[in-house]
Amino acid sequence: MQAIVETVFDLVYLCTVTTLGILMIRQGRQSRQYFLFGIMAVTLGAGDAFHLVPRAIALCTTGLENYTVALGVGKFITSITMTIFYVLLYYVWRQRYLVTGKKGLTWTVYLLALVRIGLCLFPQNGWTSAEAPLAWGIYRNIPFALMGLLIIVLFYQSVKQHQDQAFRWMSLTIILSFGFYIPVVLWADTVPLIGMLMIPKTCAYVWTVWIGYAAMRHDLQK
């Protein structure tokens, strides 16, 4: 039952964010922010597919323990693409609110992204091991969480300043995604049920993408 429900959920998620992303790329070519948002959504879907597709196959066949390498490689790729996702979201923020300058802020985002990716490349992460060390899971997620926090603050301040109703929930979706993700990183190995938090975390990302798509549709209808 878990295999069927989780597989269907993951396929719906991947198809939804990828489709919305493609629509934004195609329909938002005249608006750089929506074009970037589309690329961001496709990056999210494509990156997560490297982990979720092997997981679905494992659940529906011989079990997760027989797909350790494929799941580990997929998790590694997803970690990289999620980092790129937030860099692109930063540029969506710059485009939407016509932000210029702020080179220090941009370099901070790049630095956090590079540190995150750099930490992901260390063999100590044990991506393909059944007993991946928790410590390195924490290390690589520190710059990731800091980057997320920075994006949360930027959107919160700009939405409030510009009274941007279309993006009023953007900060909340990012808060929820990290709020559900962090307990999984810390305790999922010892309390497997905590892994279920990945479902609402995934829903939060769908909400993020939907905000961009809905805003684009609204602007196109003007």
N, C-alpha and C. Protein backbone atom coordinates (compact mmCIF):
# COMPACT_ATOMS: atom_id res chain seq x y z
N MET A 1 0.83 -1.21 0.00
CA MET A 1 0.00 0.00 0.00
C MET A 1 0.87 1.26 0.00
N GLN A 2 1.94 1.26 0.83
CA GLN A 2 2.84 2.41 0.87
C GLN A 2 3.46 2.64 -0.50
N ALA A 3 3.86 1.55 -1.15
CA ALA A 3 4.51 1.67 -2.46
C ALA A 3 3.59 2.36 -3.46
N ILE A 4 2.32 1.95 -3.48
CA ILE A 4 1.38 2.52 -4.44
C ILE A 4 1.11 3.99 -4.15
N VAL A 5 0.79 4.29 -2.89
CA VAL A 5 0.45 5.67 -2.51
C VAL A 5 1.63 6.60 -2.74
N GLU A 6 2.82 6.20 -2.28
CA GLU A 6 4.00 7.06 -2.41
C GLU A 6 4.39 7.25 -3.87
N THR A 7 4.32 6.18 -4.64
CA THR A 7 4.68 6.27 -6.06
C THR A 7 3.74 7.20 -6.81
N VAL A 8 2.44 7.05 -6.58
CA VAL A 8 1.46 7.92 -7.24
C VAL A 8 1.68 9.38 -6.83
N PHE A 9 1.89 9.60 -5.53
CA PHE A 9 2.13 10.96 -5.03
C PHE A 9 3.35 11.58 -5.71
N ASP A 10 4.45 10.82 -5.77
CA ASP A 10 5.69 11.34 -6.34
C ASP A 10 5.53 11.63 -7.83
N LEU A 11 4.83 10.75 -8.55
CA LEU A 11 4.63 10.97 -9.98
C LEU A 11 3.77 12.21 -10.24
N VAL A 12 2.72 12.37 -9.44
CA VAL A 12 1.87 13.56 -9.58
C VAL A 12 2.69 14.82 -9.29
N TYR A 13 3.51 14.78 -8.26
CA TYR A 13 4.37 15.92 -7.90
C TYR A 13 5.32 16.26 -9.05
N LEU A 14 6.05 15.26 -9.55
CA LEU A 14 7.03 15.51 -10.60
C LEU A 14 6.37 16.04 -11.86
N CYS A 15 5.24 15.45 -12.24
CA CYS A 15 4.52 15.90 -13.44
C CYS A 15 3.98 17.32 -13.26
N THR A 16 3.50 17.62 -12.05
CA THR A 16 2.91 18.94 -11.80
C THR A 16 3.94 20.06 -11.89
N VAL A 17 5.05 19.92 -11.12
CA VAL A 17 6.02 21.01 -11.11
C VAL A 17 6.73 21.14 -12.45
N THR A 18 6.98 20.02 -13.13
CA THR A 18 7.64 20.08 -14.43
C THR A 18 6.73 20.71 -15.48
N THR A 19 5.45 20.32 -15.47
CA THR A 19 4.49 20.89 -16.43
C THR A 19 4.32 22.39 -16.21
N LEU A 20 4.15 22.79 -14.95
CA LEU A 20 4.02 24.22 -14.66
C LEU A 20 5.27 24.98 -15.07
N GLY A 21 6.42 24.36 -14.85
CA GLY A 21 7.68 24.99 -15.24
C GLY A 21 7.77 25.19 -16.74
N ILE A 22 7.41 24.16 -17.51
CA ILE A 22 7.45 24.25 -18.97
C ILE A 22 6.48 25.32 -19.46
N LEU A 23 5.30 25.37 -18.86
CA LEU A 23 4.32 26.39 -19.25
C LEU A 23 4.85 27.79 -18.98
N MET A 24 5.53 27.96 -17.85
CA MET A 24 6.09 29.29 -17.55
C MET A 24 7.22 29.66 -18.51
N ILE A 25 8.03 28.66 -18.89
CA ILE A 25 9.11 28.93 -19.84
C ILE A 25 8.53 29.34 -21.19
N ARG A 26 7.48 28.64 -21.62
CA ARG A 26 6.88 28.91 -22.93
C ARG A 26 6.07 30.21 -22.95
N GLN A 27 5.29 30.42 -21.89
CA GLN A 27 4.37 31.56 -21.88
C GLN A 27 4.99 32.82 -21.27
N GLY A 28 6.09 32.65 -20.55
CA GLY A 28 6.66 33.79 -19.86
C GLY A 28 7.92 34.34 -20.49
N ARG A 29 8.12 34.10 -21.78
CA ARG A 29 9.35 34.53 -22.44
C ARG A 29 9.50 36.05 -22.44
N GLN A 30 8.39 36.77 -22.39
CA GLN A 30 8.46 38.23 -22.40
C GLN A 30 8.76 38.80 -21.01
N SER A 31 8.74 37.94 -20.01
CA SER A 31 9.00 38.37 -18.64
C SER A 31 10.13 37.53 -18.06
N ARG A 32 11.24 38.18 -17.80
CA ARG A 32 12.41 37.45 -17.32
C ARG A 32 12.14 36.72 -16.01
N GLN A 33 11.34 37.34 -15.13
CA GLN A 33 11.10 36.71 -13.83
C GLN A 33 10.35 35.39 -13.98
N TYR A 34 9.36 35.35 -14.88
CA TYR A 34 8.58 34.12 -15.05
C TYR A 34 9.36 33.07 -15.85
N PHE A 35 10.18 33.53 -16.78
CA PHE A 35 11.05 32.60 -17.51
C PHE A 35 12.01 31.92 -16.52
N LEU A 36 12.61 32.72 -15.64
CA LEU A 36 13.49 32.16 -14.61
C LEU A 36 12.72 31.23 -13.67
N PHE A 37 11.50 31.63 -13.33
CA PHE A 37 10.67 30.81 -12.45
C PHE A 37 10.40 29.45 -13.10
N GLY A 38 10.16 29.46 -14.42
CA GLY A 38 9.94 28.22 -15.13
C GLY A 38 11.16 27.32 -15.12
N ILE A 39 12.33 27.91 -15.38
CA ILE A 39 13.58 27.14 -15.32
C ILE A 39 13.78 26.58 -13.92
N MET A 40 13.46 27.38 -12.92
CA MET A 40 13.58 26.96 -11.53
C MET A 40 12.69 25.75 -11.24
N ALA A 41 11.44 25.78 -11.73
CA ALA A 41 10.51 24.69 -11.50
C ALA A 41 10.96 23.42 -12.22
N VAL A 42 11.43 23.54 -13.45
CA VAL A 42 11.91 22.37 -14.19
C VAL A 42 13.15 21.79 -13.52
N THR A 43 14.02 22.66 -13.01
CA THR A 43 15.20 22.20 -12.28
C THR A 43 14.79 21.41 -11.05
N LEU A 44 13.78 21.91 -10.35
CA LEU A 44 13.26 21.21 -9.17
C LEU A 44 12.75 19.82 -9.54
N GLY A 45 11.90 19.76 -10.57
CA GLY A 45 11.33 18.48 -10.97
C GLY A 45 12.36 17.51 -11.49
N ALA A 46 13.26 17.99 -12.35
CA ALA A 46 14.27 17.12 -12.94
C ALA A 46 15.23 16.60 -11.87
N GLY A 47 15.63 17.48 -10.96
CA GLY A 47 16.54 17.07 -9.90
C GLY A 47 15.93 16.05 -8.96
N ASP A 48 14.70 16.30 -8.55
CA ASP A 48 14.02 15.37 -7.63
C ASP A 48 13.75 14.02 -8.29
N ALA A 49 13.59 14.02 -9.61
CA ALA A 49 13.33 12.77 -10.32
C ALA A 49 14.47 11.77 -10.15
N PHE A 50 15.70 12.28 -10.04
CA PHE A 50 16.86 11.39 -9.88
C PHE A 50 16.79 10.59 -8.59
N HIS A 51 16.09 11.13 -7.61
CA HIS A 51 15.93 10.41 -6.33
C HIS A 51 14.59 9.69 -6.25
N LEU A 52 13.53 10.35 -6.69
CA LEU A 52 12.19 9.79 -6.51
C LEU A 52 11.88 8.63 -7.44
N VAL A 53 12.38 8.67 -8.68
CA VAL A 53 12.13 7.57 -9.61
C VAL A 53 12.78 6.27 -9.13
N PRO A 54 14.09 6.29 -8.75
CA PRO A 54 14.67 5.05 -8.20
C PRO A 54 13.95 4.59 -6.92
N ARG A 55 13.50 5.55 -6.12
CA ARG A 55 12.78 5.18 -4.89
C ARG A 55 11.46 4.48 -5.23
N ALA A 56 10.75 5.00 -6.23
CA ALA A 56 9.49 4.37 -6.64
C ALA A 56 9.73 2.96 -7.17
N ILE A 57 10.79 2.81 -7.98
CA ILE A 57 11.13 1.49 -8.51
C ILE A 57 11.47 0.52 -7.37
N ALA A 58 12.25 1.03 -6.41
CA ALA A 58 12.65 0.19 -5.27
C ALA A 58 11.44 -0.26 -4.46
N LEU A 59 10.54 0.67 -4.18
CA LEU A 59 9.35 0.34 -3.39
C LEU A 59 8.46 -0.66 -4.10
N CYS A 60 8.41 -0.58 -5.41
CA CYS A 60 7.52 -1.44 -6.18
C CYS A 60 8.16 -2.76 -6.59
N THR A 61 9.45 -2.93 -6.26
CA THR A 61 10.12 -4.19 -6.63
C THR A 61 10.71 -4.88 -5.41
N THR A 62 12.03 -4.80 -5.25
CA THR A 62 12.71 -5.61 -4.22
C THR A 62 13.03 -4.86 -2.93
N GLY A 63 12.65 -3.59 -2.83
CA GLY A 63 12.86 -2.86 -1.59
C GLY A 63 14.01 -1.87 -1.64
N LEU A 64 13.96 -0.89 -0.75
CA LEU A 64 14.94 0.20 -0.73
C LEU A 64 16.36 -0.29 -0.48
N GLU A 65 16.51 -1.33 0.32
CA GLU A 65 17.85 -1.81 0.69
C GLU A 65 18.63 -2.32 -0.52
N ASN A 66 17.94 -2.65 -1.61
CA ASN A 66 18.61 -3.16 -2.81
C ASN A 66 18.91 -2.06 -3.82
N TYR A 67 18.58 -0.84 -3.49
CA TYR A 67 18.81 0.28 -4.39
C TYR A 67 19.61 1.39 -3.69
N THR A 68 20.47 1.00 -2.78
CA THR A 68 21.21 1.98 -1.97
C THR A 68 22.04 2.93 -2.84
N VAL A 69 22.75 2.38 -3.81
CA VAL A 69 23.62 3.21 -4.66
C VAL A 69 22.80 4.17 -5.50
N ALA A 70 21.77 3.67 -6.17
CA ALA A 70 20.93 4.52 -7.02
C ALA A 70 20.26 5.62 -6.21
N LEU A 71 19.77 5.27 -5.02
CA LEU A 71 19.11 6.26 -4.17
C LEU A 71 20.12 7.29 -3.66
N GLY A 72 21.32 6.83 -3.34
CA GLY A 72 22.35 7.75 -2.86
C GLY A 72 22.79 8.73 -3.92
N VAL A 73 23.01 8.22 -5.14
CA VAL A 73 23.39 9.10 -6.26
C VAL A 73 22.26 10.09 -6.55
N GLY A 74 21.03 9.60 -6.50
CA GLY A 74 19.89 10.49 -6.72
C GLY A 74 19.79 11.57 -5.67
N LYS A 75 20.04 11.19 -4.42
CA LYS A 75 20.00 12.17 -3.33
C LYS A 75 21.10 13.21 -3.50
N PHE A 76 22.27 12.78 -3.97
CA PHE A 76 23.37 13.71 -4.22
C PHE A 76 22.99 14.72 -5.31
N ILE A 77 22.44 14.22 -6.42
CA ILE A 77 22.04 15.10 -7.52
C ILE A 77 20.95 16.07 -7.06
N THR A 78 19.99 15.55 -6.29
CA THR A 78 18.92 16.41 -5.78
C THR A 78 19.46 17.51 -4.89
N SER A 79 20.48 17.20 -4.09
CA SER A 79 21.08 18.21 -3.22
C SER A 79 21.69 19.35 -4.03
N ILE A 80 22.30 19.01 -5.17
CA ILE A 80 22.90 20.02 -6.03
C ILE A 80 21.81 20.86 -6.70
N THR A 81 20.80 20.18 -7.27
CA THR A 81 19.75 20.91 -7.99
C THR A 81 18.91 21.78 -7.06
N MET A 82 18.72 21.34 -5.82
CA MET A 82 17.98 22.17 -4.87
C MET A 82 18.74 23.44 -4.55
N THR A 83 20.05 23.35 -4.53
CA THR A 83 20.88 24.54 -4.30
C THR A 83 20.71 25.51 -5.46
N ILE A 84 20.74 24.98 -6.68
CA ILE A 84 20.54 25.81 -7.88
C ILE A 84 19.14 26.42 -7.85
N PHE A 85 18.16 25.66 -7.39
CA PHE A 85 16.79 26.13 -7.27
C PHE A 85 16.73 27.43 -6.47
N TYR A 86 17.42 27.48 -5.34
CA TYR A 86 17.36 28.68 -4.50
C TYR A 86 18.17 29.83 -5.08
N VAL A 87 19.23 29.54 -5.81
CA VAL A 87 19.96 30.61 -6.50
C VAL A 87 19.03 31.25 -7.55
N LEU A 88 18.31 30.42 -8.29
CA LEU A 88 17.36 30.94 -9.28
C LEU A 88 16.24 31.72 -8.62
N LEU A 89 15.78 31.25 -7.46
CA LEU A 89 14.72 31.96 -6.74
C LEU A 89 15.21 33.34 -6.29
N TYR A 90 16.47 33.42 -5.94
CA TYR A 90 17.07 34.72 -5.59
C TYR A 90 16.98 35.68 -6.77
N TYR A 91 17.26 35.16 -7.97
CA TYR A 91 17.20 36.02 -9.15
C TYR A 91 15.76 36.36 -9.53
N VAL A 92 14.82 35.47 -9.22
CA VAL A 92 13.40 35.80 -9.41
C VAL A 92 13.06 36.99 -8.52
N TRP A 93 13.54 36.97 -7.29
CA TRP A 93 13.31 38.09 -6.36
C TRP A 93 13.88 39.39 -6.93
N ARG A 94 15.09 39.34 -7.48
CA ARG A 94 15.71 40.54 -8.04
C ARG A 94 14.89 41.06 -9.22
N GLN A 95 14.43 40.17 -10.07
CA GLN A 95 13.67 40.58 -11.24
C GLN A 95 12.30 41.13 -10.87
N ARG A 96 11.63 40.47 -9.94
CA ARG A 96 10.27 40.88 -9.60
C ARG A 96 10.24 42.25 -8.95
N TYR A 97 11.21 42.51 -8.10
CA TYR A 97 11.20 43.78 -7.37
C TYR A 97 12.22 44.78 -7.91
N LEU A 98 12.70 44.50 -9.14
CA LEU A 98 13.60 45.42 -9.85
C LEU A 98 14.78 45.85 -8.99
N VAL A 99 15.39 44.86 -8.36
CA VAL A 99 16.52 45.13 -7.46
C VAL A 99 17.78 45.30 -8.30
N THR A 100 18.52 46.36 -8.04
CA THR A 100 19.79 46.61 -8.72
C THR A 100 20.90 46.71 -7.67
N GLY A 101 22.12 46.55 -8.15
CA GLY A 101 23.24 46.62 -7.22
C GLY A 101 23.26 45.45 -6.26
N LYS A 102 23.54 45.75 -4.99
CA LYS A 102 23.58 44.74 -3.93
C LYS A 102 24.53 43.59 -4.27
N LYS A 103 25.75 43.94 -4.72
CA LYS A 103 26.71 42.91 -5.08
C LYS A 103 27.10 42.04 -3.90
N GLY A 104 27.15 42.66 -2.72
CA GLY A 104 27.49 41.89 -1.52
C GLY A 104 26.48 40.80 -1.25
N LEU A 105 25.21 41.13 -1.46
CA LEU A 105 24.14 40.15 -1.24
C LEU A 105 24.25 39.01 -2.25
N THR A 106 24.51 39.37 -3.50
CA THR A 106 24.64 38.35 -4.55
C THR A 106 25.82 37.44 -4.27
N TRP A 107 26.95 38.01 -3.86
CA TRP A 107 28.12 37.19 -3.54
C TRP A 107 27.86 36.29 -2.34
N THR A 108 27.05 36.77 -1.40
CA THR A 108 26.70 35.94 -0.24
C THR A 108 25.91 34.71 -0.68
N VAL A 109 24.95 34.91 -1.58
CA VAL A 109 24.15 33.79 -2.10
C VAL A 109 25.05 32.80 -2.83
N TYR A 110 25.95 33.32 -3.67
CA TYR A 110 26.86 32.45 -4.41
C TYR A 110 27.80 31.70 -3.46
N LEU A 111 28.29 32.40 -2.44
CA LEU A 111 29.20 31.77 -1.49
C LEU A 111 28.52 30.62 -0.75
N LEU A 112 27.31 30.88 -0.26
CA LEU A 112 26.57 29.83 0.45
C LEU A 112 26.28 28.64 -0.48
N ALA A 113 25.94 28.95 -1.74
CA ALA A 113 25.67 27.87 -2.70
C ALA A 113 26.92 27.05 -2.98
N LEU A 114 28.05 27.74 -3.16
CA LEU A 114 29.30 27.04 -3.46
C LEU A 114 29.77 26.20 -2.27
N VAL A 115 29.62 26.75 -1.07
CA VAL A 115 30.00 25.99 0.13
C VAL A 115 29.12 24.75 0.25
N ARG A 116 27.83 24.92 0.04
CA ARG A 116 26.89 23.79 0.08
C ARG A 116 27.28 22.72 -0.93
N ILE A 117 27.52 23.12 -2.19
CA ILE A 117 27.88 22.16 -3.23
C ILE A 117 29.23 21.52 -2.92
N GLY A 118 30.17 22.35 -2.44
CA GLY A 118 31.48 21.82 -2.08
C GLY A 118 31.40 20.76 -1.00
N LEU A 119 30.59 21.00 0.02
CA LEU A 119 30.42 20.02 1.09
C LEU A 119 29.76 18.74 0.57
N CYS A 120 28.86 18.89 -0.39
CA CYS A 120 28.20 17.71 -0.96
C CYS A 120 29.19 16.82 -1.72
N LEU A 121 30.28 17.39 -2.20
CA LEU A 121 31.26 16.64 -3.00
C LEU A 121 32.20 15.79 -2.15
N PHE A 122 32.28 16.06 -0.86
CA PHE A 122 33.19 15.30 -0.01
C PHE A 122 32.75 13.84 0.09
N PRO A 123 33.71 12.91 -0.05
CA PRO A 123 33.36 11.48 0.03
C PRO A 123 32.84 11.07 1.41
N GLN A 124 33.16 11.89 2.42
CA GLN A 124 32.70 11.58 3.78
C GLN A 124 31.18 11.59 3.91
N ASN A 125 30.48 12.16 2.92
CA ASN A 125 29.02 12.15 2.95
C ASN A 125 28.47 10.73 2.85
N GLY A 126 29.23 9.85 2.24
CA GLY A 126 28.80 8.46 2.11
C GLY A 126 27.47 8.32 1.39
N TRP A 127 27.35 9.02 0.27
CA TRP A 127 26.08 9.02 -0.45
C TRP A 127 25.60 7.62 -0.80
N THR A 128 26.52 6.75 -1.21
CA THR A 128 26.12 5.41 -1.67
C THR A 128 26.21 4.37 -0.56
N SER A 129 26.36 4.83 0.66
CA SER A 129 26.45 3.91 1.80
C SER A 129 25.09 3.79 2.49
N ALA A 130 24.83 2.61 3.00
CA ALA A 130 23.58 2.40 3.75
C ALA A 130 23.64 3.07 5.11
N GLU A 131 24.86 3.40 5.56
CA GLU A 131 25.05 4.04 6.87
C GLU A 131 25.72 5.40 6.69
N ALA A 132 25.08 6.29 5.96
CA ALA A 132 25.64 7.63 5.73
C ALA A 132 25.70 8.38 7.06
N PRO A 133 26.85 9.04 7.35
CA PRO A 133 27.01 9.73 8.63
C PRO A 133 26.09 10.93 8.79
N LEU A 134 25.45 11.02 9.95
CA LEU A 134 24.54 12.13 10.24
C LEU A 134 25.28 13.46 10.25
N ALA A 135 26.51 13.46 10.78
CA ALA A 135 27.27 14.70 10.93
C ALA A 135 27.41 15.43 9.60
N TRP A 136 27.72 14.67 8.53
CA TRP A 136 27.89 15.33 7.24
C TRP A 136 26.57 15.77 6.64
N GLY A 137 25.50 15.09 7.02
CA GLY A 137 24.18 15.55 6.62
C GLY A 137 23.88 16.91 7.21
N ILE A 138 24.35 17.13 8.43
CA ILE A 138 24.16 18.42 9.10
C ILE A 138 25.09 19.47 8.49
N TYR A 139 26.36 19.11 8.28
CA TYR A 139 27.33 20.06 7.74
C TYR A 139 26.85 20.66 6.42
N ARG A 140 26.46 19.79 5.50
CA ARG A 140 26.11 20.28 4.15
C ARG A 140 24.80 21.07 4.14
N ASN A 141 23.98 20.87 5.16
CA ASN A 141 22.70 21.57 5.19
C ASN A 141 22.76 22.90 5.94
N ILE A 142 23.86 23.19 6.61
CA ILE A 142 23.99 24.48 7.30
C ILE A 142 24.00 25.64 6.30
N PRO A 143 24.88 25.64 5.28
CA PRO A 143 24.83 26.75 4.30
C PRO A 143 23.53 26.75 3.50
N PHE A 144 22.95 25.58 3.29
CA PHE A 144 21.67 25.48 2.58
C PHE A 144 20.57 26.17 3.37
N ALA A 145 20.53 25.90 4.68
CA ALA A 145 19.51 26.52 5.54
C ALA A 145 19.72 28.03 5.63
N LEU A 146 20.98 28.46 5.68
CA LEU A 146 21.27 29.90 5.72
C LEU A 146 20.82 30.59 4.45
N MET A 147 21.03 29.93 3.31
CA MET A 147 20.58 30.49 2.05
C MET A 147 19.05 30.57 2.02
N GLY A 148 18.39 29.53 2.51
CA GLY A 148 16.93 29.55 2.58
C GLY A 148 16.43 30.66 3.47
N LEU A 149 17.08 30.83 4.63
CA LEU A 149 16.69 31.90 5.55
C LEU A 149 16.84 33.27 4.90
N LEU A 150 17.92 33.47 4.17
CA LEU A 150 18.15 34.73 3.47
C LEU A 150 17.03 35.00 2.45
N ILE A 151 16.67 33.98 1.67
CA ILE A 151 15.60 34.13 0.67
C ILE A 151 14.27 34.44 1.35
N ILE A 152 14.01 33.79 2.48
CA ILE A 152 12.78 34.04 3.24
C ILE A 152 12.69 35.51 3.63
N VAL A 153 13.76 36.03 4.19
CA VAL A 153 13.79 37.42 4.65
C VAL A 153 13.61 38.38 3.48
N LEU A 154 14.31 38.10 2.37
CA LEU A 154 14.23 38.99 1.21
C LEU A 154 12.80 39.07 0.67
N PHE A 155 12.15 37.93 0.51
CA PHE A 155 10.78 37.94 0.00
C PHE A 155 9.82 38.57 1.00
N TYR A 156 10.01 38.27 2.27
CA TYR A 156 9.12 38.84 3.29
C TYR A 156 9.18 40.36 3.28
N GLN A 157 10.39 40.90 3.26
CA GLN A 157 10.56 42.35 3.27
C GLN A 157 10.00 43.00 2.00
N SER A 158 10.29 42.39 0.85
CA SER A 158 9.86 42.98 -0.42
C SER A 158 8.35 42.89 -0.60
N VAL A 159 7.77 41.76 -0.23
CA VAL A 159 6.31 41.61 -0.33
C VAL A 159 5.61 42.66 0.53
N LYS A 160 6.13 42.86 1.73
CA LYS A 160 5.54 43.84 2.63
C LYS A 160 5.72 45.26 2.08
N GLN A 161 6.89 45.55 1.57
CA GLN A 161 7.17 46.89 1.06
C GLN A 161 6.33 47.22 -0.17
N HIS A 162 6.16 46.25 -1.06
CA HIS A 162 5.45 46.49 -2.32
C HIS A 162 3.98 46.08 -2.27
N GLN A 163 3.53 45.59 -1.11
CA GLN A 163 2.15 45.12 -0.97
C GLN A 163 1.81 44.14 -2.10
N ASP A 164 2.70 43.18 -2.27
CA ASP A 164 2.60 42.21 -3.37
C ASP A 164 1.70 41.04 -2.97
N GLN A 165 0.43 41.14 -3.30
CA GLN A 165 -0.54 40.12 -2.92
C GLN A 165 -0.26 38.77 -3.59
N ALA A 166 0.21 38.80 -4.82
CA ALA A 166 0.44 37.57 -5.56
C ALA A 166 1.50 36.68 -4.89
N PHE A 167 2.50 37.34 -4.28
CA PHE A 167 3.61 36.60 -3.66
C PHE A 167 3.55 36.64 -2.13
N ARG A 168 2.37 36.95 -1.58
CA ARG A 168 2.29 37.15 -0.14
C ARG A 168 2.60 35.90 0.67
N TRP A 169 2.43 34.72 0.07
CA TRP A 169 2.69 33.47 0.80
C TRP A 169 4.05 32.85 0.46
N MET A 170 4.84 33.52 -0.37
CA MET A 170 6.10 32.93 -0.81
C MET A 170 7.03 32.60 0.37
N SER A 171 7.18 33.53 1.29
CA SER A 171 8.05 33.28 2.44
C SER A 171 7.56 32.09 3.24
N LEU A 172 6.25 31.98 3.40
CA LEU A 172 5.68 30.88 4.18
C LEU A 172 5.97 29.54 3.53
N THR A 173 5.88 29.46 2.21
CA THR A 173 6.14 28.18 1.54
C THR A 173 7.59 27.73 1.79
N ILE A 174 8.52 28.68 1.80
CA ILE A 174 9.92 28.32 2.03
C ILE A 174 10.13 27.93 3.49
N ILE A 175 9.49 28.66 4.40
CA ILE A 175 9.57 28.31 5.82
C ILE A 175 9.06 26.89 6.05
N LEU A 176 7.93 26.56 5.44
CA LEU A 176 7.35 25.23 5.60
C LEU A 176 8.26 24.16 5.01
N SER A 177 8.83 24.43 3.85
CA SER A 177 9.69 23.43 3.21
C SER A 177 10.89 23.10 4.09
N PHE A 178 11.51 24.13 4.69
CA PHE A 178 12.64 23.88 5.58
C PHE A 178 12.17 23.31 6.92
N GLY A 179 11.02 23.77 7.38
CA GLY A 179 10.49 23.28 8.65
C GLY A 179 10.21 21.79 8.63
N PHE A 180 9.78 21.28 7.48
CA PHE A 180 9.52 19.85 7.35
C PHE A 180 10.79 19.07 7.00
N TYR A 181 11.73 19.74 6.34
CA TYR A 181 12.94 19.06 5.87
C TYR A 181 13.96 18.84 6.98
N ILE A 182 14.17 19.82 7.84
CA ILE A 182 15.20 19.74 8.87
C ILE A 182 15.00 18.56 9.82
N PRO A 183 13.78 18.29 10.33
CA PRO A 183 13.61 17.11 11.19
C PRO A 183 13.95 15.80 10.47
N VAL A 184 13.70 15.74 9.16
CA VAL A 184 14.04 14.54 8.39
C VAL A 184 15.54 14.33 8.38
N VAL A 185 16.29 15.41 8.17
CA VAL A 185 17.75 15.32 8.16
C VAL A 185 18.26 14.83 9.51
N LEU A 186 17.68 15.36 10.58
CA LEU A 186 18.19 15.09 11.92
C LEU A 186 17.77 13.74 12.49
N TRP A 187 16.53 13.33 12.23
CA TRP A 187 16.01 12.18 12.98
C TRP A 187 15.40 11.06 12.15
N ALA A 188 15.33 11.19 10.83
CA ALA A 188 14.66 10.17 10.02
C ALA A 188 15.33 8.80 10.12
N ASP A 189 16.67 8.78 10.29
CA ASP A 189 17.36 7.50 10.37
C ASP A 189 17.03 6.73 11.64
N THR A 190 16.76 7.47 12.72
CA THR A 190 16.45 6.80 13.99
C THR A 190 14.95 6.63 14.21
N VAL A 191 14.15 7.54 13.63
CA VAL A 191 12.69 7.45 13.73
C VAL A 191 12.13 7.51 12.31
N PRO A 192 12.02 6.37 11.63
CA PRO A 192 11.62 6.34 10.22
C PRO A 192 10.33 7.08 9.90
N LEU A 193 9.39 7.12 10.85
CA LEU A 193 8.11 7.80 10.59
C LEU A 193 8.29 9.29 10.28
N ILE A 194 9.39 9.87 10.79
CA ILE A 194 9.65 11.28 10.54
C ILE A 194 9.86 11.53 9.04
N GLY A 195 10.28 10.50 8.34
CA GLY A 195 10.44 10.62 6.89
C GLY A 195 9.17 11.01 6.18
N MET A 196 8.01 10.78 6.82
CA MET A 196 6.73 11.16 6.23
C MET A 196 6.60 12.67 6.06
N LEU A 197 7.44 13.43 6.79
CA LEU A 197 7.40 14.89 6.66
C LEU A 197 7.83 15.35 5.27
N MET A 198 8.44 14.45 4.50
CA MET A 198 8.82 14.81 3.14
C MET A 198 7.58 15.06 2.27
N ILE A 199 6.44 14.51 2.66
CA ILE A 199 5.21 14.73 1.89
C ILE A 199 4.74 16.18 2.00
N PRO A 200 4.54 16.73 3.22
CA PRO A 200 4.17 18.15 3.28
C PRO A 200 5.27 19.07 2.76
N LYS A 201 6.53 18.64 2.91
CA LYS A 201 7.63 19.44 2.37
C LYS A 201 7.51 19.55 0.84
N THR A 202 7.18 18.43 0.22
CA THR A 202 6.97 18.41 -1.23
C THR A 202 5.79 19.28 -1.62
N CYS A 203 4.72 19.22 -0.84
CA CYS A 203 3.54 20.06 -1.11
C CYS A 203 3.90 21.55 -1.02
N ALA A 204 4.79 21.89 -0.10
CA ALA A 204 5.22 23.29 0.03
C ALA A 204 5.94 23.75 -1.24
N TYR A 205 6.73 22.87 -1.85
CA TYR A 205 7.42 23.23 -3.09
C TYR A 205 6.43 23.39 -4.24
N VAL A 206 5.41 22.53 -4.27
CA VAL A 206 4.37 22.68 -5.29
C VAL A 206 3.68 24.03 -5.13
N TRP A 207 3.43 24.40 -3.89
CA TRP A 207 2.81 25.70 -3.60
C TRP A 207 3.69 26.84 -4.10
N THR A 208 5.00 26.72 -3.87
CA THR A 208 5.94 27.74 -4.34
C THR A 208 5.83 27.92 -5.85
N VAL A 209 5.86 26.80 -6.57
CA VAL A 209 5.78 26.86 -8.03
C VAL A 209 4.43 27.41 -8.48
N TRP A 210 3.37 27.00 -7.79
CA TRP A 210 2.03 27.46 -8.17
C TRP A 210 1.90 28.97 -8.00
N ILE A 211 2.53 29.52 -6.98
CA ILE A 211 2.49 30.97 -6.77
C ILE A 211 3.03 31.69 -8.01
N GLY A 212 4.16 31.21 -8.52
CA GLY A 212 4.73 31.83 -9.70
C GLY A 212 3.85 31.67 -10.92
N TYR A 213 3.30 30.47 -11.11
CA TYR A 213 2.44 30.22 -12.27
C TYR A 213 1.17 31.06 -12.21
N ALA A 214 0.54 31.12 -11.03
CA ALA A 214 -0.70 31.90 -10.88
C ALA A 214 -0.45 33.38 -11.12
N ALA A 215 0.70 33.87 -10.64
CA ALA A 215 1.04 35.28 -10.85
C ALA A 215 1.24 35.57 -12.33
N MET A 216 1.89 34.63 -13.03
CA MET A 216 2.09 34.81 -14.47
C MET A 216 0.77 34.85 -15.22
N ARG A 217 -0.14 33.91 -14.91
CA ARG A 217 -1.44 33.88 -15.56
C ARG A 217 -2.20 35.17 -15.33
N HIS A 218 -2.12 35.67 -14.09
CA HIS A 218 -2.80 36.94 -13.77
C HIS A 218 -2.23 38.09 -14.59
N ASP A 219 -0.92 38.15 -14.71
CA ASP A 219 -0.28 39.23 -15.46
C ASP A 219 -0.58 39.12 -16.95
N LEU A 220 -0.66 37.90 -17.47
CA LEU A 220 -0.93 37.71 -18.91
C LEU A 220 -2.36 38.10 -19.28
N GLN A 221 -3.25 38.02 -18.31
CA GLN A 221 -4.66 38.33 -18.56
C GLN A 221 -4.97 39.82 -18.46
N LYS A 222 -3.99 40.60 -18.04
CA LYS A 222 -4.23 42.05 -17.91
C LYS A 222 -4.38 42.70 -19.30
